């Protein structure tokens, strides 16, 4: 359940958050606020998907099975 919620966060942040930050001012690191928001969520999407990958029990079982097959 938690993994599914984590996987939905980038969708919510990018698609549903943009109308609320659709402004040019203030500038964030020289970018308009809406562009900085999208860049932030693209980076956070990669981080969140890495966390989901590490927490997914299917990946842990596959990694353990793969190590046993090599031995």
C-alpha atoms as a PDB file:
ATOM      1  CA  UNK A   1       0.000   0.000   0.000  1.00  0.00           C
ATOM      2  CA  UNK A   2       2.778   2.427   0.935  1.00  0.00           C
ATOM      3  CA  UNK A   3       4.697   1.584  -2.243  1.00  0.00           C
ATOM      4  CA  UNK A   4       1.682   2.430  -4.388  1.00  0.00           C
ATOM      5  CA  UNK A   5       1.254   5.751  -2.617  1.00  0.00           C
ATOM      6  CA  UNK A   6       4.940   6.549  -3.150  1.00  0.00           C
ATOM      7  CA  UNK A   7       4.620   5.682  -6.832  1.00  0.00           C
ATOM      8  CA  UNK A   8       1.662   8.073  -7.195  1.00  0.00           C
ATOM      9  CA  UNK A   9       3.455  11.044  -5.595  1.00  0.00           C
ATOM     10  CA  UNK A  10       5.303  12.173  -8.779  1.00  0.00           C
ATOM     11  CA  UNK A  11       2.038  12.050 -10.735  1.00  0.00           C
ATOM     12  CA  UNK A  12       0.309  14.188  -8.137  1.00  0.00           C
ATOM     13  CA  UNK A  13       3.230  16.588  -7.848  1.00  0.00           C
ATOM     14  CA  UNK A  14       3.695  17.216 -11.551  1.00  0.00           C
ATOM     15  CA  UNK A  15       0.171  17.106 -12.941  1.00  0.00           C
ATOM     16  CA  UNK A  16      -1.928  18.327 -10.053  1.00  0.00           C
ATOM     17  CA  UNK A  17       0.585  20.720  -8.502  1.00  0.00           C
ATOM     18  CA  UNK A  18       1.440  22.764 -11.589  1.00  0.00           C
ATOM     19  CA  UNK A  19      -1.794  24.818 -11.660  1.00  0.00           C
ATOM     20  CA  UNK A  20      -1.040  26.021  -8.125  1.00  0.00           C
ATOM     21  CA  UNK A  21       2.506  27.185  -8.930  1.00  0.00           C
ATOM     22  CA  UNK A  22       1.850  28.499 -12.445  1.00  0.00           C
ATOM     23  CA  UNK A  23       3.683  31.788 -11.938  1.00  0.00           C
ATOM     24  CA  UNK A  24       6.794  33.390 -13.350  1.00  0.00           C
ATOM     25  CA  UNK A  25       7.730  35.101 -10.087  1.00  0.00           C
ATOM     26  CA  UNK A  26       9.507  34.224  -7.823  1.00  0.00           C
ATOM     27  CA  UNK A  27      12.592  32.977  -9.595  1.00  0.00           C
ATOM     28  CA  UNK A  28      14.170  29.839  -8.156  1.00  0.00           C
ATOM     29  CA  UNK A  29      17.830  29.452  -9.167  1.00  0.00           C
ATOM     30  CA  UNK A  30      17.090  31.685 -12.159  1.00  0.00           C
ATOM     31  CA  UNK A  31      14.115  29.623 -13.332  1.00  0.00           C
ATOM     32  CA  UNK A  32      10.467  30.591 -13.176  1.00  0.00           C
ATOM     33  CA  UNK A  33       8.642  28.927 -10.306  1.00  0.00           C
ATOM     34  CA  UNK A  34       6.679  26.547 -12.529  1.00  0.00           C
ATOM     35  CA  UNK A  35       9.836  25.312 -14.285  1.00  0.00           C
ATOM     36  CA  UNK A  36      11.646  24.851 -10.965  1.00  0.00           C
ATOM     37  CA  UNK A  37       8.612  22.886  -9.700  1.00  0.00           C
ATOM     38  CA  UNK A  38       8.713  20.528 -12.686  1.00  0.00           C
ATOM     39  CA  UNK A  39      12.491  20.047 -12.432  1.00  0.00           C
ATOM     40  CA  UNK A  40      12.138  19.329  -8.715  1.00  0.00           C
ATOM     41  CA  UNK A  41       9.512  16.648  -9.367  1.00  0.00           C
ATOM     42  CA  UNK A  42      11.524  15.029 -12.155  1.00  0.00           C
ATOM     43  CA  UNK A  43      14.456  14.632  -9.767  1.00  0.00           C
ATOM     44  CA  UNK A  44      12.169  13.500  -6.934  1.00  0.00           C
ATOM     45  CA  UNK A  45      10.549  10.950  -9.274  1.00  0.00           C
ATOM     46  CA  UNK A  46      13.916   9.249  -9.731  1.00  0.00           C
ATOM     47  CA  UNK A  47      14.558   9.277  -5.978  1.00  0.00           C
ATOM     48  CA  UNK A  48      11.081   7.961  -5.168  1.00  0.00           C
ATOM     49  CA  UNK A  49      11.310   5.187  -7.763  1.00  0.00           C
ATOM     50  CA  UNK A  50      14.698   4.154  -6.314  1.00  0.00           C
ATOM     51  CA  UNK A  51      13.099   3.930  -2.864  1.00  0.00           C
ATOM     52  CA  UNK A  52      10.180   1.923  -4.269  1.00  0.00           C
ATOM     53  CA  UNK A  53      12.637  -0.426  -5.991  1.00  0.00           C
ATOM     54  CA  UNK A  54      14.603  -0.971  -2.770  1.00  0.00           C
ATOM     55  CA  UNK A  55      11.468  -1.538  -0.661  1.00  0.00           C
ATOM     56  CA  UNK A  56       9.693  -3.830  -3.124  1.00  0.00           C
ATOM     57  CA  UNK A  57       9.698  -7.371  -1.701  1.00  0.00           C
ATOM     58  CA  UNK A  58       9.698  -8.864  -5.209  1.00  0.00           C
ATOM     59  CA  UNK A  59      13.085  -7.295  -5.939  1.00  0.00           C
ATOM     60  CA  UNK A  60      14.539  -8.535  -2.653  1.00  0.00           C
ATOM     61  CA  UNK A  61      13.399 -12.091  -3.370  1.00  0.00           C
ATOM     62  CA  UNK A  62      14.818 -11.922  -6.910  1.00  0.00           C
ATOM     63  CA  UNK A  63      18.173 -10.641  -5.672  1.00  0.00           C
ATOM     64  CA  UNK A  64      18.475 -13.405  -3.098  1.00  0.00           C
ATOM     65  CA  UNK A  65      17.519 -16.064  -5.632  1.00  0.00           C
ATOM     66  CA  UNK A  66      20.030 -14.693  -8.122  1.00  0.00           C
ATOM     67  CA  UNK A  67      22.855 -14.855  -5.592  1.00  0.00           C
ATOM     68  CA  UNK A  68      22.076 -18.462  -4.758  1.00  0.00           C
ATOM     69  CA  UNK A  69      22.052 -19.410  -8.432  1.00  0.00           C
ATOM     70  CA  UNK A  70      25.536 -17.955  -8.908  1.00  0.00           C
ATOM     71  CA  UNK A  71      27.050 -19.874  -5.972  1.00  0.00           C
END
